[in-house]
Amino acid sequence: MRAFRNLTLREQIMVSCGGAILVVLALWYYVWQPVMSDRSLQADRIARYLTILDIARTTREDAPRKVVSTPSSTPLAPLVTQSAQAAGIPLSRLDPEGARLRVTVAKLGYNEATTWIANLESASGLRLLSVEMTRLTEPAQVSLRMTLEQAQ
């Protein structure tokens, strides 16, 4: 404060005005700008969320209803084999694990795999416990390993 008093009146006014301008600029840069950038970021997030919510609502209304079938009394292995033959899918290996069945397919198309899996769950009354698809070097070809059990 002593150094400030030693300044002339004109210098004191210049230093005071400069300090006030620095305070205003600091508030603008460190407070106002971050608040406004966060506000625009949140507005974008809200807009994306509302878009996803609208898509989910329309999808839910237009989605086909799942038909739940009663579990079959046929054992798992023949049921899966029949379903694969009907879909034209060559099974590589079937491994029974108690009440579960592990199925391995060496090579099939991705679309055929997803369609077959959906049919197994909806039409055959089976429940998938795990599905592992590995992309092969050929386009749209995958290898498939999955574990199934009877739906209860």
C-alpha atoms as a PDB file:
ATOM      1  CA  MET A   1       0.000   0.000   0.000  1.00  0.00           C
ATOM      2  CA  ARG A   2       2.888   2.328   0.709  1.00  0.00           C
ATOM      3  CA  ALA A   3       4.166   2.034  -2.871  1.00  0.00           C
ATOM      4  CA  PHE A   4       0.693   2.878  -4.149  1.00  0.00           C
ATOM      5  CA  ARG A   5       0.561   6.052  -2.041  1.00  0.00           C
ATOM      6  CA  ASN A   6       3.952   7.125  -3.363  1.00  0.00           C
ATOM      7  CA  LEU A   7       2.503   7.225  -6.909  1.00  0.00           C
ATOM      8  CA  THR A   8       1.096  10.396  -8.380  1.00  0.00           C
ATOM      9  CA  LEU A   9      -2.660  10.776  -8.652  1.00  0.00           C
ATOM     10  CA  ARG A  10      -2.593  10.058 -12.375  1.00  0.00           C
ATOM     11  CA  GLU A  11      -0.523   6.870 -11.832  1.00  0.00           C
ATOM     12  CA  GLN A  12      -2.851   5.757  -9.005  1.00  0.00           C
ATOM     13  CA  ILE A  13      -5.857   6.099 -11.342  1.00  0.00           C
ATOM     14  CA  MET A  14      -4.067   4.159 -14.108  1.00  0.00           C
ATOM     15  CA  VAL A  15      -3.051   1.329 -11.749  1.00  0.00           C
ATOM     16  CA  SER A  16      -6.562   1.151 -10.259  1.00  0.00           C
ATOM     17  CA  CYS A  17      -8.212   1.044 -13.694  1.00  0.00           C
ATOM     18  CA  GLY A  18      -5.710  -1.552 -14.918  1.00  0.00           C
ATOM     19  CA  GLY A  19      -6.371  -3.693 -11.843  1.00  0.00           C
ATOM     20  CA  ALA A  20     -10.123  -3.421 -12.346  1.00  0.00           C
ATOM     21  CA  ILE A  21      -9.756  -4.437 -16.000  1.00  0.00           C
ATOM     22  CA  LEU A  22      -7.566  -7.402 -14.978  1.00  0.00           C
ATOM     23  CA  VAL A  23     -10.189  -8.518 -12.413  1.00  0.00           C
ATOM     24  CA  VAL A  24     -12.972  -8.304 -15.012  1.00  0.00           C
ATOM     25  CA  LEU A  25     -10.907 -10.210 -17.595  1.00  0.00           C
ATOM     26  CA  ALA A  26      -9.957 -12.875 -15.039  1.00  0.00           C
ATOM     27  CA  LEU A  27     -13.610 -13.358 -14.051  1.00  0.00           C
ATOM     28  CA  TRP A  28     -14.628 -13.597 -17.689  1.00  0.00           C
ATOM     29  CA  TYR A  29     -11.851 -16.059 -18.573  1.00  0.00           C
ATOM     30  CA  TYR A  30     -11.899 -18.276 -15.456  1.00  0.00           C
ATOM     31  CA  VAL A  31     -15.597 -18.177 -14.521  1.00  0.00           C
ATOM     32  CA  TRP A  32     -17.852 -17.110 -17.384  1.00  0.00           C
ATOM     33  CA  GLN A  33     -16.172 -19.063 -20.238  1.00  0.00           C
ATOM     34  CA  PRO A  34     -16.078 -22.450 -18.404  1.00  0.00           C
ATOM     35  CA  VAL A  35     -19.712 -22.070 -17.326  1.00  0.00           C
ATOM     36  CA  MET A  36     -20.848 -21.291 -20.860  1.00  0.00           C
ATOM     37  CA  SER A  37     -18.838 -24.124 -22.449  1.00  0.00           C
ATOM     38  CA  ASP A  38     -20.217 -26.596 -19.885  1.00  0.00           C
ATOM     39  CA  ARG A  39     -23.695 -25.272 -20.550  1.00  0.00           C
ATOM     40  CA  SER A  40     -23.396 -25.890 -24.296  1.00  0.00           C
ATOM     41  CA  LEU A  41     -21.920 -29.334 -23.654  1.00  0.00           C
ATOM     42  CA  GLN A  42     -24.847 -30.220 -21.384  1.00  0.00           C
ATOM     43  CA  ALA A  43     -27.331 -28.913 -23.942  1.00  0.00           C
ATOM     44  CA  ASP A  44     -25.776 -31.233 -26.553  1.00  0.00           C
ATOM     45  CA  ARG A  45     -25.952 -34.172 -24.147  1.00  0.00           C
ATOM     46  CA  ILE A  46     -29.592 -33.475 -23.360  1.00  0.00           C
ATOM     47  CA  ALA A  47     -30.439 -33.227 -27.069  1.00  0.00           C
ATOM     48  CA  ARG A  48     -28.746 -36.585 -27.753  1.00  0.00           C
ATOM     49  CA  TYR A  49     -30.516 -38.163 -24.777  1.00  0.00           C
ATOM     50  CA  LEU A  50     -33.903 -36.902 -25.951  1.00  0.00           C
ATOM     51  CA  THR A  51     -33.217 -38.227 -29.459  1.00  0.00           C
ATOM     52  CA  ILE A  52     -32.349 -41.656 -28.076  1.00  0.00           C
ATOM     53  CA  LEU A  53     -35.436 -41.559 -25.864  1.00  0.00           C
ATOM     54  CA  ASP A  54     -37.655 -40.778 -28.875  1.00  0.00           C
ATOM     55  CA  ILE A  55     -36.075 -43.608 -30.868  1.00  0.00           C
ATOM     56  CA  ALA A  56     -36.607 -46.004 -27.971  1.00  0.00           C
ATOM     57  CA  ARG A  57     -40.259 -45.014 -27.641  1.00  0.00           C
ATOM     58  CA  THR A  58     -40.986 -45.465 -31.340  1.00  0.00           C
ATOM     59  CA  THR A  59     -39.009 -48.703 -31.476  1.00  0.00           C
ATOM     60  CA  ARG A  60     -40.857 -50.097 -28.483  1.00  0.00           C
ATOM     61  CA  GLU A  61     -44.212 -49.344 -30.112  1.00  0.00           C
ATOM     62  CA  ASP A  62     -43.227 -50.785 -33.509  1.00  0.00           C
ATOM     63  CA  ALA A  63     -41.315 -53.815 -32.229  1.00  0.00           C
ATOM     64  CA  PRO A  64     -42.837 -57.210 -32.902  1.00  0.00           C
ATOM     65  CA  ARG A  65     -44.116 -58.978 -29.835  1.00  0.00           C
ATOM     66  CA  LYS A  66     -42.079 -61.935 -28.671  1.00  0.00           C
ATOM     67  CA  VAL A  67     -43.963 -65.188 -28.793  1.00  0.00           C
ATOM     68  CA  VAL A  68     -43.029 -67.303 -25.811  1.00  0.00           C
ATOM     69  CA  SER A  69     -43.160 -70.997 -26.509  1.00  0.00           C
ATOM     70  CA  THR A  70     -43.356 -73.715 -23.923  1.00  0.00           C
ATOM     71  CA  PRO A  71     -40.186 -75.701 -23.379  1.00  0.00           C
ATOM     72  CA  SER A  72     -39.958 -78.835 -25.464  1.00  0.00           C
ATOM     73  CA  SER A  73     -39.612 -82.275 -23.910  1.00  0.00           C
ATOM     74  CA  THR A  74     -37.047 -83.141 -26.610  1.00  0.00           C
ATOM     75  CA  PRO A  75     -33.457 -83.292 -25.281  1.00  0.00           C
ATOM     76  CA  LEU A  76     -31.204 -80.358 -26.120  1.00  0.00           C
ATOM     77  CA  ALA A  77     -28.821 -82.063 -28.573  1.00  0.00           C
ATOM     78  CA  PRO A  78     -31.500 -83.348 -30.996  1.00  0.00           C
ATOM     79  CA  LEU A  79     -33.430 -80.084 -30.725  1.00  0.00           C
ATOM     80  CA  VAL A  80     -30.361 -78.022 -31.633  1.00  0.00           C
ATOM     81  CA  THR A  81     -29.357 -80.453 -34.377  1.00  0.00           C
ATOM     82  CA  GLN A  82     -32.827 -80.311 -35.968  1.00  0.00           C
ATOM     83  CA  SER A  83     -32.869 -76.530 -35.766  1.00  0.00           C
ATOM     84  CA  ALA A  84     -29.399 -76.286 -37.343  1.00  0.00           C
ATOM     85  CA  GLN A  85     -30.328 -78.683 -40.152  1.00  0.00           C
ATOM     86  CA  ALA A  86     -33.496 -76.685 -40.849  1.00  0.00           C
ATOM     87  CA  ALA A  87     -31.416 -73.492 -41.044  1.00  0.00           C
ATOM     88  CA  GLY A  88     -28.716 -75.170 -43.153  1.00  0.00           C
ATOM     89  CA  ILE A  89     -26.004 -74.658 -40.542  1.00  0.00           C
ATOM     90  CA  PRO A  90     -23.241 -77.295 -40.279  1.00  0.00           C
ATOM     91  CA  LEU A  91     -22.505 -77.995 -36.600  1.00  0.00           C
ATOM     92  CA  SER A  92     -18.878 -78.751 -35.741  1.00  0.00           C
ATOM     93  CA  ARG A  93     -19.290 -79.953 -32.199  1.00  0.00           C
ATOM     94  CA  LEU A  94     -21.912 -80.558 -29.488  1.00  0.00           C
ATOM     95  CA  ASP A  95     -20.691 -80.912 -25.897  1.00  0.00           C
ATOM     96  CA  PRO A  96     -23.279 -81.786 -23.219  1.00  0.00           C
ATOM     97  CA  GLU A  97     -22.476 -80.202 -19.844  1.00  0.00           C
ATOM     98  CA  GLY A  98     -25.157 -81.536 -17.510  1.00  0.00           C
ATOM     99  CA  ALA A  99     -28.398 -79.676 -18.293  1.00  0.00           C
ATOM    100  CA  ARG A 100     -26.506 -77.402 -20.679  1.00  0.00           C
ATOM    101  CA  LEU A 101     -25.211 -77.895 -24.191  1.00  0.00           C
ATOM    102  CA  ARG A 102     -22.137 -76.231 -25.681  1.00  0.00           C
ATOM    103  CA  VAL A 103     -22.448 -75.803 -29.462  1.00  0.00           C
ATOM    104  CA  THR A 104     -19.555 -75.007 -31.814  1.00  0.00           C
ATOM    105  CA  VAL A 105     -19.893 -73.984 -35.467  1.00  0.00           C
ATOM    106  CA  ALA A 106     -16.639 -73.538 -37.384  1.00  0.00           C
ATOM    107  CA  LYS A 107     -17.897 -71.242 -40.139  1.00  0.00           C
ATOM    108  CA  LEU A 108     -21.183 -69.580 -41.018  1.00  0.00           C
ATOM    109  CA  GLY A 109     -22.511 -66.231 -42.172  1.00  0.00           C
ATOM    110  CA  TYR A 110     -23.129 -63.555 -39.552  1.00  0.00           C
ATOM    111  CA  ASN A 111     -26.738 -62.991 -40.660  1.00  0.00           C
ATOM    112  CA  GLU A 112     -27.468 -66.722 -40.584  1.00  0.00           C
ATOM    113  CA  ALA A 113     -25.947 -66.969 -37.105  1.00  0.00           C
ATOM    114  CA  THR A 114     -28.048 -64.170 -35.634  1.00  0.00           C
ATOM    115  CA  THR A 115     -31.222 -65.462 -37.276  1.00  0.00           C
ATOM    116  CA  TRP A 116     -30.574 -68.977 -36.018  1.00  0.00           C
ATOM    117  CA  ILE A 117     -29.868 -67.761 -32.484  1.00  0.00           C
ATOM    118  CA  ALA A 118     -33.093 -65.722 -32.462  1.00  0.00           C
ATOM    119  CA  ASN A 119     -35.052 -68.768 -33.667  1.00  0.00           C
ATOM    120  CA  LEU A 120     -33.492 -70.969 -31.009  1.00  0.00           C
ATOM    121  CA  GLU A 121     -34.646 -68.599 -28.304  1.00  0.00           C
ATOM    122  CA  SER A 122     -38.113 -67.837 -29.629  1.00  0.00           C
ATOM    123  CA  ALA A 123     -39.300 -70.987 -31.404  1.00  0.00           C
ATOM    124  CA  SER A 124     -37.378 -73.747 -29.652  1.00  0.00           C
ATOM    125  CA  GLY A 125     -37.811 -72.497 -26.104  1.00  0.00           C
ATOM    126  CA  LEU A 126     -34.088 -72.467 -25.346  1.00  0.00           C
ATOM    127  CA  ARG A 127     -32.124 -69.928 -23.327  1.00  0.00           C
ATOM    128  CA  LEU A 128     -28.645 -68.825 -24.334  1.00  0.00           C
ATOM    129  CA  LEU A 129     -26.221 -68.526 -21.464  1.00  0.00           C
ATOM    130  CA  SER A 130     -23.238 -67.371 -23.510  1.00  0.00           C
ATOM    131  CA  VAL A 131     -22.519 -66.581 -27.138  1.00  0.00           C
ATOM    132  CA  GLU A 132     -19.077 -65.989 -28.605  1.00  0.00           C
ATOM    133  CA  MET A 133     -18.672 -65.022 -32.247  1.00  0.00           C
ATOM    134  CA  THR A 134     -15.250 -64.653 -33.793  1.00  0.00           C
ATOM    135  CA  ARG A 135     -14.850 -62.842 -37.087  1.00  0.00           C
ATOM    136  CA  LEU A 136     -13.089 -64.867 -39.765  1.00  0.00           C
ATOM    137  CA  THR A 137     -10.902 -63.530 -42.566  1.00  0.00           C
ATOM    138  CA  GLU A 138     -13.631 -64.074 -45.162  1.00  0.00           C
ATOM    139  CA  PRO A 139     -16.206 -61.261 -45.362  1.00  0.00           C
ATOM    140  CA  ALA A 140     -19.332 -61.697 -43.197  1.00  0.00           C
ATOM    141  CA  GLN A 141     -18.141 -65.083 -41.907  1.00  0.00           C
ATOM    142  CA  VAL A 142     -17.888 -65.968 -38.215  1.00  0.00           C
ATOM    143  CA  SER A 143     -17.158 -68.926 -36.003  1.00  0.00           C
ATOM    144  CA  LEU A 144     -19.661 -69.473 -33.227  1.00  0.00           C
ATOM    145  CA  ARG A 145     -19.527 -70.964 -29.747  1.00  0.00           C
ATOM    146  CA  MET A 146     -22.534 -70.846 -27.464  1.00  0.00           C
ATOM    147  CA  THR A 147     -23.948 -72.493 -24.370  1.00  0.00           C
ATOM    148  CA  LEU A 148     -27.670 -73.321 -24.216  1.00  0.00           C
ATOM    149  CA  GLU A 149     -30.160 -74.675 -21.720  1.00  0.00           C
ATOM    150  CA  GLN A 150     -33.897 -75.320 -21.645  1.00  0.00           C
ATOM    151  CA  ALA A 151     -35.932 -72.214 -20.746  1.00  0.00           C
ATOM    152  CA  GLN A 152     -37.947 -72.668 -17.593  1.00  0.00           C
END
